[in-house]
């Protein structure tokens, strides 16, 4: 089994699995990396405008191609939560860079120019979303400071829907009130926008991604699982991540995976190669 590594020669320092995918310790904040390395990958997403992969890290957002990782704009914020919401549009959360003024929690920030500039939308100083997901105009954020799962339809006003500890979240792209959460107690499902949760069965996942075609889950040992019926049933894809999983994304037929040992990989056949 072979995965294709992106960005040959790059060094990626990825956090522990639990920290990278949901419960992160921000006590240690090293100086910003200015030498082209990606440090502490928190999220991955593909810009539908150009098909480029973007990597949210401890030191800002990078565009990753086969040749190199390029920092997008001047932002060096610790980008914890990250999601692509449309062509050239991202939402994020986290903490300002060590040399920047402002509250310690960014709340929700937004870019409409692929990360060249960021604007604060809401909850600055009040929320630190370690997970951000969106579907059908609804944004969900899991706030690490309170454990609250929050939802917003405009990015400005929020409702607290429930309290949750989760490694990852996934939202049905066709039904934005349907969510899956990967937790220590197994996978859990909500069909009312995160207000209530029930056991969902399925694999003991640490990473999830729900595409318009199917669901992919990655377990702690790197096994890739797939569901084509909304998580009712699962099957192994035959793929296994060559390293502890840290972040996951999908775009069309490509799966992108960051591993804890310092790689960002892509697969066009569900992880078989």
C-alpha atoms as a PDB file:
ATOM      1  CA  UNK A   1       0.000   0.000   0.000  1.00  0.00           C
ATOM      2  CA  UNK A   2       1.355   3.396  -0.972  1.00  0.00           C
ATOM      3  CA  UNK A   3       0.014   6.855  -0.356  1.00  0.00           C
ATOM      4  CA  UNK A   4       1.197   9.846  -2.363  1.00  0.00           C
ATOM      5  CA  UNK A   5       2.996  12.383  -0.182  1.00  0.00           C
ATOM      6  CA  UNK A   6       2.354  16.054  -0.891  1.00  0.00           C
ATOM      7  CA  UNK A   7       5.056  18.645  -0.650  1.00  0.00           C
ATOM      8  CA  UNK A   8       8.219  16.578  -0.916  1.00  0.00           C
ATOM      9  CA  UNK A   9      10.889  17.668   1.540  1.00  0.00           C
ATOM     10  CA  UNK A  10       8.483  19.518   3.848  1.00  0.00           C
ATOM     11  CA  UNK A  11       8.552  18.908   7.572  1.00  0.00           C
ATOM     12  CA  UNK A  12       5.142  18.729   9.247  1.00  0.00           C
ATOM     13  CA  UNK A  13       4.984  18.521  13.021  1.00  0.00           C
ATOM     14  CA  UNK A  14       1.549  17.172  13.930  1.00  0.00           C
ATOM     15  CA  UNK A  15       0.087  17.002  17.433  1.00  0.00           C
ATOM     16  CA  UNK A  16      -1.052  13.939  19.332  1.00  0.00           C
ATOM     17  CA  UNK A  17      -4.175  12.333  17.903  1.00  0.00           C
ATOM     18  CA  UNK A  18      -6.616  13.456  20.575  1.00  0.00           C
ATOM     19  CA  UNK A  19      -5.148  16.936  20.570  1.00  0.00           C
ATOM     20  CA  UNK A  20      -5.127  17.247  16.811  1.00  0.00           C
ATOM     21  CA  UNK A  21      -8.708  16.217  16.249  1.00  0.00           C
ATOM     22  CA  UNK A  22     -10.668  17.732  19.073  1.00  0.00           C
ATOM     23  CA  UNK A  23      -9.218  18.194  22.533  1.00  0.00           C
ATOM     24  CA  UNK A  24      -6.167  20.408  22.123  1.00  0.00           C
ATOM     25  CA  UNK A  25      -3.774  21.722  24.752  1.00  0.00           C
ATOM     26  CA  UNK A  26      -2.785  25.301  23.995  1.00  0.00           C
ATOM     27  CA  UNK A  27      -0.540  25.857  27.005  1.00  0.00           C
ATOM     28  CA  UNK A  28       2.615  25.564  24.915  1.00  0.00           C
ATOM     29  CA  UNK A  29       2.692  28.041  22.037  1.00  0.00           C
ATOM     30  CA  UNK A  30       6.040  27.996  20.219  1.00  0.00           C
ATOM     31  CA  UNK A  31       7.241  30.925  18.168  1.00  0.00           C
ATOM     32  CA  UNK A  32       5.845  31.271  14.676  1.00  0.00           C
ATOM     33  CA  UNK A  33       7.547  29.226  11.997  1.00  0.00           C
ATOM     34  CA  UNK A  34       8.997  31.369   9.215  1.00  0.00           C
ATOM     35  CA  UNK A  35      11.116  28.775   7.438  1.00  0.00           C
ATOM     36  CA  UNK A  36       8.394  27.184   5.297  1.00  0.00           C
ATOM     37  CA  UNK A  37       7.606  24.359   7.701  1.00  0.00           C
ATOM     38  CA  UNK A  38       4.106  23.433   8.734  1.00  0.00           C
ATOM     39  CA  UNK A  39       3.801  23.039  12.488  1.00  0.00           C
ATOM     40  CA  UNK A  40       0.847  21.443  14.283  1.00  0.00           C
ATOM     41  CA  UNK A  41      -1.658  20.730  11.533  1.00  0.00           C
ATOM     42  CA  UNK A  42      -5.197  21.297  12.810  1.00  0.00           C
ATOM     43  CA  UNK A  43      -7.274  21.067   9.639  1.00  0.00           C
ATOM     44  CA  UNK A  44      -7.380  20.480   5.904  1.00  0.00           C
ATOM     45  CA  UNK A  45      -9.713  21.822   3.237  1.00  0.00           C
ATOM     46  CA  UNK A  46      -9.890  22.143  -0.531  1.00  0.00           C
ATOM     47  CA  UNK A  47     -10.832  25.435  -2.141  1.00  0.00           C
ATOM     48  CA  UNK A  48     -13.487  24.595  -4.778  1.00  0.00           C
ATOM     49  CA  UNK A  49     -12.430  27.618  -6.815  1.00  0.00           C
ATOM     50  CA  UNK A  50      -9.110  26.068  -7.820  1.00  0.00           C
ATOM     51  CA  UNK A  51      -8.899  22.594  -6.265  1.00  0.00           C
ATOM     52  CA  UNK A  52      -5.939  23.593  -4.096  1.00  0.00           C
ATOM     53  CA  UNK A  53      -5.429  22.070  -0.668  1.00  0.00           C
ATOM     54  CA  UNK A  54      -5.216  24.477   2.280  1.00  0.00           C
ATOM     55  CA  UNK A  55      -3.670  23.503   5.603  1.00  0.00           C
ATOM     56  CA  UNK A  56      -4.634  25.157   8.891  1.00  0.00           C
ATOM     57  CA  UNK A  57      -1.711  25.152  11.314  1.00  0.00           C
ATOM     58  CA  UNK A  58      -0.390  26.553  14.569  1.00  0.00           C
ATOM     59  CA  UNK A  59       1.164  29.395  12.559  1.00  0.00           C
ATOM     60  CA  UNK A  60      -1.459  30.376  10.009  1.00  0.00           C
ATOM     61  CA  UNK A  61      -2.907  28.891   6.839  1.00  0.00           C
ATOM     62  CA  UNK A  62      -0.800  27.453   4.022  1.00  0.00           C
ATOM     63  CA  UNK A  63      -1.579  26.482   0.441  1.00  0.00           C
ATOM     64  CA  UNK A  64      -0.003  23.112  -0.273  1.00  0.00           C
ATOM     65  CA  UNK A  65       0.988  21.960  -3.745  1.00  0.00           C
ATOM     66  CA  UNK A  66       3.254  19.176  -4.923  1.00  0.00           C
ATOM     67  CA  UNK A  67       6.116  21.616  -4.962  1.00  0.00           C
ATOM     68  CA  UNK A  68       5.857  23.590  -1.743  1.00  0.00           C
ATOM     69  CA  UNK A  69       3.830  24.965   1.137  1.00  0.00           C
ATOM     70  CA  UNK A  70       3.147  28.670   0.833  1.00  0.00           C
ATOM     71  CA  UNK A  71       1.795  30.793   3.655  1.00  0.00           C
ATOM     72  CA  UNK A  72      -1.363  32.589   2.565  1.00  0.00           C
ATOM     73  CA  UNK A  73      -1.251  36.255   3.527  1.00  0.00           C
ATOM     74  CA  UNK A  74       0.471  37.548   6.633  1.00  0.00           C
ATOM     75  CA  UNK A  75      -1.758  35.845   9.196  1.00  0.00           C
ATOM     76  CA  UNK A  76       0.118  33.759  11.758  1.00  0.00           C
ATOM     77  CA  UNK A  77      -2.800  32.988  14.033  1.00  0.00           C
ATOM     78  CA  UNK A  78      -3.048  29.569  15.666  1.00  0.00           C
ATOM     79  CA  UNK A  79      -5.796  28.311  13.359  1.00  0.00           C
ATOM     80  CA  UNK A  80      -7.536  25.661  15.426  1.00  0.00           C
ATOM     81  CA  UNK A  81     -10.987  25.320  13.874  1.00  0.00           C
ATOM     82  CA  UNK A  82     -11.089  25.541  10.076  1.00  0.00           C
ATOM     83  CA  UNK A  83     -13.625  24.906   7.336  1.00  0.00           C
ATOM     84  CA  UNK A  84     -14.026  25.825   3.680  1.00  0.00           C
ATOM     85  CA  UNK A  85     -17.487  27.281   3.132  1.00  0.00           C
ATOM     86  CA  UNK A  86     -17.318  28.162  -0.581  1.00  0.00           C
ATOM     87  CA  UNK A  87     -15.047  29.312  -3.396  1.00  0.00           C
ATOM     88  CA  UNK A  88     -12.224  31.328  -1.805  1.00  0.00           C
ATOM     89  CA  UNK A  89     -14.158  31.501   1.488  1.00  0.00           C
ATOM     90  CA  UNK A  90     -12.991  29.985   4.779  1.00  0.00           C
ATOM     91  CA  UNK A  91     -14.076  30.189   8.401  1.00  0.00           C
ATOM     92  CA  UNK A  92     -11.656  29.691  11.260  1.00  0.00           C
ATOM     93  CA  UNK A  93     -11.088  30.085  14.978  1.00  0.00           C
ATOM     94  CA  UNK A  94      -8.202  29.804  17.416  1.00  0.00           C
ATOM     95  CA  UNK A  95      -5.758  32.243  18.946  1.00  0.00           C
ATOM     96  CA  UNK A  96      -3.783  35.270  17.795  1.00  0.00           C
ATOM     97  CA  UNK A  97      -0.086  34.953  17.083  1.00  0.00           C
ATOM     98  CA  UNK A  98       2.096  35.459  20.197  1.00  0.00           C
ATOM     99  CA  UNK A  99       3.114  38.974  19.112  1.00  0.00           C
ATOM    100  CA  UNK A 100      -0.417  40.138  18.236  1.00  0.00           C
ATOM    101  CA  UNK A 101      -2.700  42.177  20.448  1.00  0.00           C
ATOM    102  CA  UNK A 102      -6.276  41.268  21.192  1.00  0.00           C
ATOM    103  CA  UNK A 103      -8.238  38.710  23.176  1.00  0.00           C
ATOM    104  CA  UNK A 104      -6.768  35.213  23.582  1.00  0.00           C
ATOM    105  CA  UNK A 105      -9.675  33.598  21.706  1.00  0.00           C
ATOM    106  CA  UNK A 106     -10.483  34.671  18.157  1.00  0.00           C
ATOM    107  CA  UNK A 107     -14.114  33.567  18.156  1.00  0.00           C
ATOM    108  CA  UNK A 108     -15.229  33.181  14.534  1.00  0.00           C
ATOM    109  CA  UNK A 109     -13.120  34.773  11.795  1.00  0.00           C
ATOM    110  CA  UNK A 110     -13.797  34.846   8.065  1.00  0.00           C
ATOM    111  CA  UNK A 111     -11.903  35.286   4.823  1.00  0.00           C
ATOM    112  CA  UNK A 112     -13.281  35.780   1.327  1.00  0.00           C
ATOM    113  CA  UNK A 113      -9.855  36.008  -0.345  1.00  0.00           C
ATOM    114  CA  UNK A 114      -8.440  32.539   0.455  1.00  0.00           C
ATOM    115  CA  UNK A 115      -6.824  33.668   3.687  1.00  0.00           C
ATOM    116  CA  UNK A 116      -4.973  36.751   2.496  1.00  0.00           C
ATOM    117  CA  UNK A 117      -6.985  38.792   4.985  1.00  0.00           C
ATOM    118  CA  UNK A 118      -9.252  37.844   7.887  1.00  0.00           C
ATOM    119  CA  UNK A 119     -12.172  39.641   9.526  1.00  0.00           C
ATOM    120  CA  UNK A 120     -13.658  38.989  12.939  1.00  0.00           C
ATOM    121  CA  UNK A 121     -17.312  37.993  12.719  1.00  0.00           C
ATOM    122  CA  UNK A 122     -18.396  37.140  16.254  1.00  0.00           C
ATOM    123  CA  UNK A 123     -17.542  35.869  19.749  1.00  0.00           C
ATOM    124  CA  UNK A 124     -14.041  37.388  19.864  1.00  0.00           C
ATOM    125  CA  UNK A 125     -12.639  36.755  23.334  1.00  0.00           C
ATOM    126  CA  UNK A 126     -15.524  34.436  24.160  1.00  0.00           C
ATOM    127  CA  UNK A 127     -15.210  31.281  22.055  1.00  0.00           C
ATOM    128  CA  UNK A 128     -12.379  29.062  20.876  1.00  0.00           C
ATOM    129  CA  UNK A 129     -13.824  26.705  18.296  1.00  0.00           C
ATOM    130  CA  UNK A 130     -11.582  23.674  17.899  1.00  0.00           C
ATOM    131  CA  UNK A 131     -14.031  22.186  15.410  1.00  0.00           C
ATOM    132  CA  UNK A 132     -15.928  24.128  12.747  1.00  0.00           C
ATOM    133  CA  UNK A 133     -18.252  22.513  10.210  1.00  0.00           C
ATOM    134  CA  UNK A 134     -20.877  23.912   7.854  1.00  0.00           C
ATOM    135  CA  UNK A 135     -23.711  22.668   5.661  1.00  0.00           C
ATOM    136  CA  UNK A 136     -26.693  24.328   4.030  1.00  0.00           C
ATOM    137  CA  UNK A 137     -25.836  27.747   5.400  1.00  0.00           C
ATOM    138  CA  UNK A 138     -25.558  26.509   9.002  1.00  0.00           C
ATOM    139  CA  UNK A 139     -22.220  26.733  10.813  1.00  0.00           C
ATOM    140  CA  UNK A 140     -21.507  24.462  13.774  1.00  0.00           C
ATOM    141  CA  UNK A 141     -18.721  25.170  16.235  1.00  0.00           C
ATOM    142  CA  UNK A 142     -17.488  23.135  19.186  1.00  0.00           C
ATOM    143  CA  UNK A 143     -16.159  25.575  21.776  1.00  0.00           C
ATOM    144  CA  UNK A 144     -13.197  24.215  23.708  1.00  0.00           C
ATOM    145  CA  UNK A 145     -13.645  26.691  26.568  1.00  0.00           C
ATOM    146  CA  UNK A 146     -17.116  25.424  27.510  1.00  0.00           C
ATOM    147  CA  UNK A 147     -17.685  22.184  25.589  1.00  0.00           C
ATOM    148  CA  UNK A 148     -20.722  23.818  23.979  1.00  0.00           C
ATOM    149  CA  UNK A 149     -21.814  22.812  20.511  1.00  0.00           C
ATOM    150  CA  UNK A 150     -23.049  26.056  18.972  1.00  0.00           C
ATOM    151  CA  UNK A 151     -24.863  26.808  15.719  1.00  0.00           C
ATOM    152  CA  UNK A 152     -25.297  29.919  13.612  1.00  0.00           C
ATOM    153  CA  UNK A 153     -27.019  30.688  10.312  1.00  0.00           C
ATOM    154  CA  UNK A 154     -25.284  34.040   9.800  1.00  0.00           C
ATOM    155  CA  UNK A 155     -21.967  33.757  11.634  1.00  0.00           C
ATOM    156  CA  UNK A 156     -23.045  36.584  13.924  1.00  0.00           C
ATOM    157  CA  UNK A 157     -25.650  35.198  16.318  1.00  0.00           C
ATOM    158  CA  UNK A 158     -25.335  31.798  17.938  1.00  0.00           C
ATOM    159  CA  UNK A 159     -27.436  29.183  19.715  1.00  0.00           C
ATOM    160  CA  UNK A 160     -25.983  26.683  22.160  1.00  0.00           C
ATOM    161  CA  UNK A 161     -27.425  23.329  21.165  1.00  0.00           C
ATOM    162  CA  UNK A 162     -25.756  20.871  23.568  1.00  0.00           C
ATOM    163  CA  UNK A 163     -22.563  20.038  25.446  1.00  0.00           C
ATOM    164  CA  UNK A 164     -20.278  17.562  23.733  1.00  0.00           C
ATOM    165  CA  UNK A 165     -16.780  16.116  23.857  1.00  0.00           C
ATOM    166  CA  UNK A 166     -15.796  14.968  20.389  1.00  0.00           C
ATOM    167  CA  UNK A 167     -12.726  14.143  18.371  1.00  0.00           C
ATOM    168  CA  UNK A 168     -14.486  15.218  15.181  1.00  0.00           C
ATOM    169  CA  UNK A 169     -17.812  16.282  13.719  1.00  0.00           C
ATOM    170  CA  UNK A 170     -19.413  15.724  10.327  1.00  0.00           C
ATOM    171  CA  UNK A 171     -22.561  17.312   8.923  1.00  0.00           C
ATOM    172  CA  UNK A 172     -24.768  15.773   6.249  1.00  0.00           C
ATOM    173  CA  UNK A 173     -24.283  17.979   3.152  1.00  0.00           C
ATOM    174  CA  UNK A 174     -27.897  17.323   2.118  1.00  0.00           C
ATOM    175  CA  UNK A 175     -29.532  17.617   5.566  1.00  0.00           C
ATOM    176  CA  UNK A 176     -27.788  20.211   7.749  1.00  0.00           C
ATOM    177  CA  UNK A 177     -29.698  19.130  10.875  1.00  0.00           C
ATOM    178  CA  UNK A 178     -28.051  15.692  10.746  1.00  0.00           C
ATOM    179  CA  UNK A 179     -24.659  15.417  12.420  1.00  0.00           C
ATOM    180  CA  UNK A 180     -22.249  12.679  13.438  1.00  0.00           C
ATOM    181  CA  UNK A 181     -19.757  12.997  16.269  1.00  0.00           C
ATOM    182  CA  UNK A 182     -16.744  10.790  16.932  1.00  0.00           C
ATOM    183  CA  UNK A 183     -16.470  10.446  20.711  1.00  0.00           C
ATOM    184  CA  UNK A 184     -14.866   8.292  23.379  1.00  0.00           C
ATOM    185  CA  UNK A 185     -18.230   6.539  23.716  1.00  0.00           C
ATOM    186  CA  UNK A 186     -18.337   5.714  20.012  1.00  0.00           C
ATOM    187  CA  UNK A 187     -20.079   7.446  17.179  1.00  0.00           C
ATOM    188  CA  UNK A 188     -23.147   9.510  18.041  1.00  0.00           C
ATOM    189  CA  UNK A 189     -25.847  10.964  15.808  1.00  0.00           C
ATOM    190  CA  UNK A 190     -28.086  14.017  15.991  1.00  0.00           C
ATOM    191  CA  UNK A 191     -31.020  14.666  13.678  1.00  0.00           C
ATOM    192  CA  UNK A 192     -32.127  17.926  15.295  1.00  0.00           C
ATOM    193  CA  UNK A 193     -29.152  20.154  14.683  1.00  0.00           C
ATOM    194  CA  UNK A 194     -27.064  18.938  17.604  1.00  0.00           C
ATOM    195  CA  UNK A 195     -29.675  19.435  20.300  1.00  0.00           C
ATOM    196  CA  UNK A 196     -29.906  15.744  21.224  1.00  0.00           C
ATOM    197  CA  UNK A 197     -27.645  12.772  20.506  1.00  0.00           C
ATOM    198  CA  UNK A 198     -28.119   9.005  20.254  1.00  0.00           C
ATOM    199  CA  UNK A 199     -25.639   6.155  19.705  1.00  0.00           C
ATOM    200  CA  UNK A 200     -24.957   5.626  16.004  1.00  0.00           C
ATOM    201  CA  UNK A 201     -22.899   2.443  15.959  1.00  0.00           C
ATOM    202  CA  UNK A 202     -20.182   2.313  13.357  1.00  0.00           C
ATOM    203  CA  UNK A 203     -16.404   2.241  13.756  1.00  0.00           C
ATOM    204  CA  UNK A 204     -14.533   3.832  16.687  1.00  0.00           C
ATOM    205  CA  UNK A 205     -13.591   6.857  14.608  1.00  0.00           C
ATOM    206  CA  UNK A 206     -11.310   9.774  15.446  1.00  0.00           C
ATOM    207  CA  UNK A 207     -11.763  11.571  12.106  1.00  0.00           C
ATOM    208  CA  UNK A 208     -14.852  12.010   9.930  1.00  0.00           C
ATOM    209  CA  UNK A 209     -15.670  13.622   6.599  1.00  0.00           C
ATOM    210  CA  UNK A 210     -19.114  13.704   5.003  1.00  0.00           C
ATOM    211  CA  UNK A 211     -19.015  14.396   1.271  1.00  0.00           C
ATOM    212  CA  UNK A 212     -22.034  14.671  -1.055  1.00  0.00           C
ATOM    213  CA  UNK A 213     -21.399  11.074  -2.111  1.00  0.00           C
ATOM    214  CA  UNK A 214     -20.313   9.201   1.001  1.00  0.00           C
ATOM    215  CA  UNK A 215     -18.902   9.250   4.506  1.00  0.00           C
ATOM    216  CA  UNK A 216     -15.332   8.375   5.381  1.00  0.00           C
ATOM    217  CA  UNK A 217     -14.127   7.611   8.892  1.00  0.00           C
ATOM    218  CA  UNK A 218     -10.595   7.011  10.128  1.00  0.00           C
ATOM    219  CA  UNK A 219      -9.989   5.012  13.297  1.00  0.00           C
ATOM    220  CA  UNK A 220      -7.164   5.601  15.760  1.00  0.00           C
ATOM    221  CA  UNK A 221      -5.096   2.839  14.143  1.00  0.00           C
ATOM    222  CA  UNK A 222      -5.503   4.480  10.738  1.00  0.00           C
ATOM    223  CA  UNK A 223      -8.108   2.128   9.252  1.00  0.00           C
ATOM    224  CA  UNK A 224     -10.315   3.821   6.649  1.00  0.00           C
ATOM    225  CA  UNK A 225     -14.018   3.005   6.719  1.00  0.00           C
ATOM    226  CA  UNK A 226     -16.721   4.098   4.308  1.00  0.00           C
ATOM    227  CA  UNK A 227     -20.506   4.464   4.375  1.00  0.00           C
ATOM    228  CA  UNK A 228     -22.713   5.159   1.376  1.00  0.00           C
ATOM    229  CA  UNK A 229     -26.010   5.156   3.311  1.00  0.00           C
ATOM    230  CA  UNK A 230     -25.583   7.957   5.807  1.00  0.00           C
ATOM    231  CA  UNK A 231     -23.729   5.901   8.435  1.00  0.00           C
ATOM    232  CA  UNK A 232     -26.346   3.134   8.603  1.00  0.00           C
ATOM    233  CA  UNK A 233     -23.716   0.596   7.515  1.00  0.00           C
ATOM    234  CA  UNK A 234     -19.944   0.741   7.122  1.00  0.00           C
ATOM    235  CA  UNK A 235     -17.337  -1.211   5.202  1.00  0.00           C
ATOM    236  CA  UNK A 236     -13.558  -1.177   5.241  1.00  0.00           C
ATOM    237  CA  UNK A 237     -12.033   0.452   2.184  1.00  0.00           C
ATOM    238  CA  UNK A 238      -8.909  -1.687   2.358  1.00  0.00           C
ATOM    239  CA  UNK A 239      -6.873   1.408   3.135  1.00  0.00           C
ATOM    240  CA  UNK A 240      -4.863   2.250   6.213  1.00  0.00           C
ATOM    241  CA  UNK A 241      -3.124   5.505   6.990  1.00  0.00           C
ATOM    242  CA  UNK A 242       0.666   5.072   7.207  1.00  0.00           C
ATOM    243  CA  UNK A 243       0.835   6.883  10.515  1.00  0.00           C
ATOM    244  CA  UNK A 244      -1.429   8.097  13.318  1.00  0.00           C
ATOM    245  CA  UNK A 245      -4.215  10.231  11.784  1.00  0.00           C
ATOM    246  CA  UNK A 246      -4.452  13.934  12.598  1.00  0.00           C
ATOM    247  CA  UNK A 247      -6.686  15.675  10.016  1.00  0.00           C
ATOM    248  CA  UNK A 248      -8.924  14.589   7.149  1.00  0.00           C
ATOM    249  CA  UNK A 249     -10.616  16.139   4.135  1.00  0.00           C
ATOM    250  CA  UNK A 250     -12.152  15.021   0.845  1.00  0.00           C
ATOM    251  CA  UNK A 251     -12.719  16.671  -2.513  1.00  0.00           C
ATOM    252  CA  UNK A 252     -14.407  14.830  -5.362  1.00  0.00           C
ATOM    253  CA  UNK A 253     -12.587  11.465  -5.530  1.00  0.00           C
ATOM    254  CA  UNK A 254      -9.548  12.510  -3.486  1.00  0.00           C
ATOM    255  CA  UNK A 255      -8.967  11.875   0.214  1.00  0.00           C
ATOM    256  CA  UNK A 256      -6.451  14.095   1.994  1.00  0.00           C
ATOM    257  CA  UNK A 257      -4.965  12.968   5.298  1.00  0.00           C
ATOM    258  CA  UNK A 258      -2.436  14.510   7.684  1.00  0.00           C
ATOM    259  CA  UNK A 259      -0.597  12.099   9.938  1.00  0.00           C
ATOM    260  CA  UNK A 260       1.028  12.670  13.301  1.00  0.00           C
ATOM    261  CA  UNK A 261       4.472  11.621  12.070  1.00  0.00           C
ATOM    262  CA  UNK A 262       4.705  14.538   9.682  1.00  0.00           C
ATOM    263  CA  UNK A 263       3.038  13.801   6.357  1.00  0.00           C
ATOM    264  CA  UNK A 264       0.161  15.131   4.271  1.00  0.00           C
ATOM    265  CA  UNK A 265      -1.067  12.429   1.911  1.00  0.00           C
ATOM    266  CA  UNK A 266      -3.639  12.014  -0.815  1.00  0.00           C
ATOM    267  CA  UNK A 267      -5.439   8.985  -2.207  1.00  0.00           C
ATOM    268  CA  UNK A 268      -7.741   8.607  -5.217  1.00  0.00           C
ATOM    269  CA  UNK A 269      -8.933   5.096  -4.310  1.00  0.00           C
ATOM    270  CA  UNK A 270     -10.197   5.348  -0.726  1.00  0.00           C
ATOM    271  CA  UNK A 271      -6.779   4.764   0.748  1.00  0.00           C
ATOM    272  CA  UNK A 272      -5.843   1.622  -1.114  1.00  0.00           C
ATOM    273  CA  UNK A 273      -2.965   3.618  -2.631  1.00  0.00           C
END
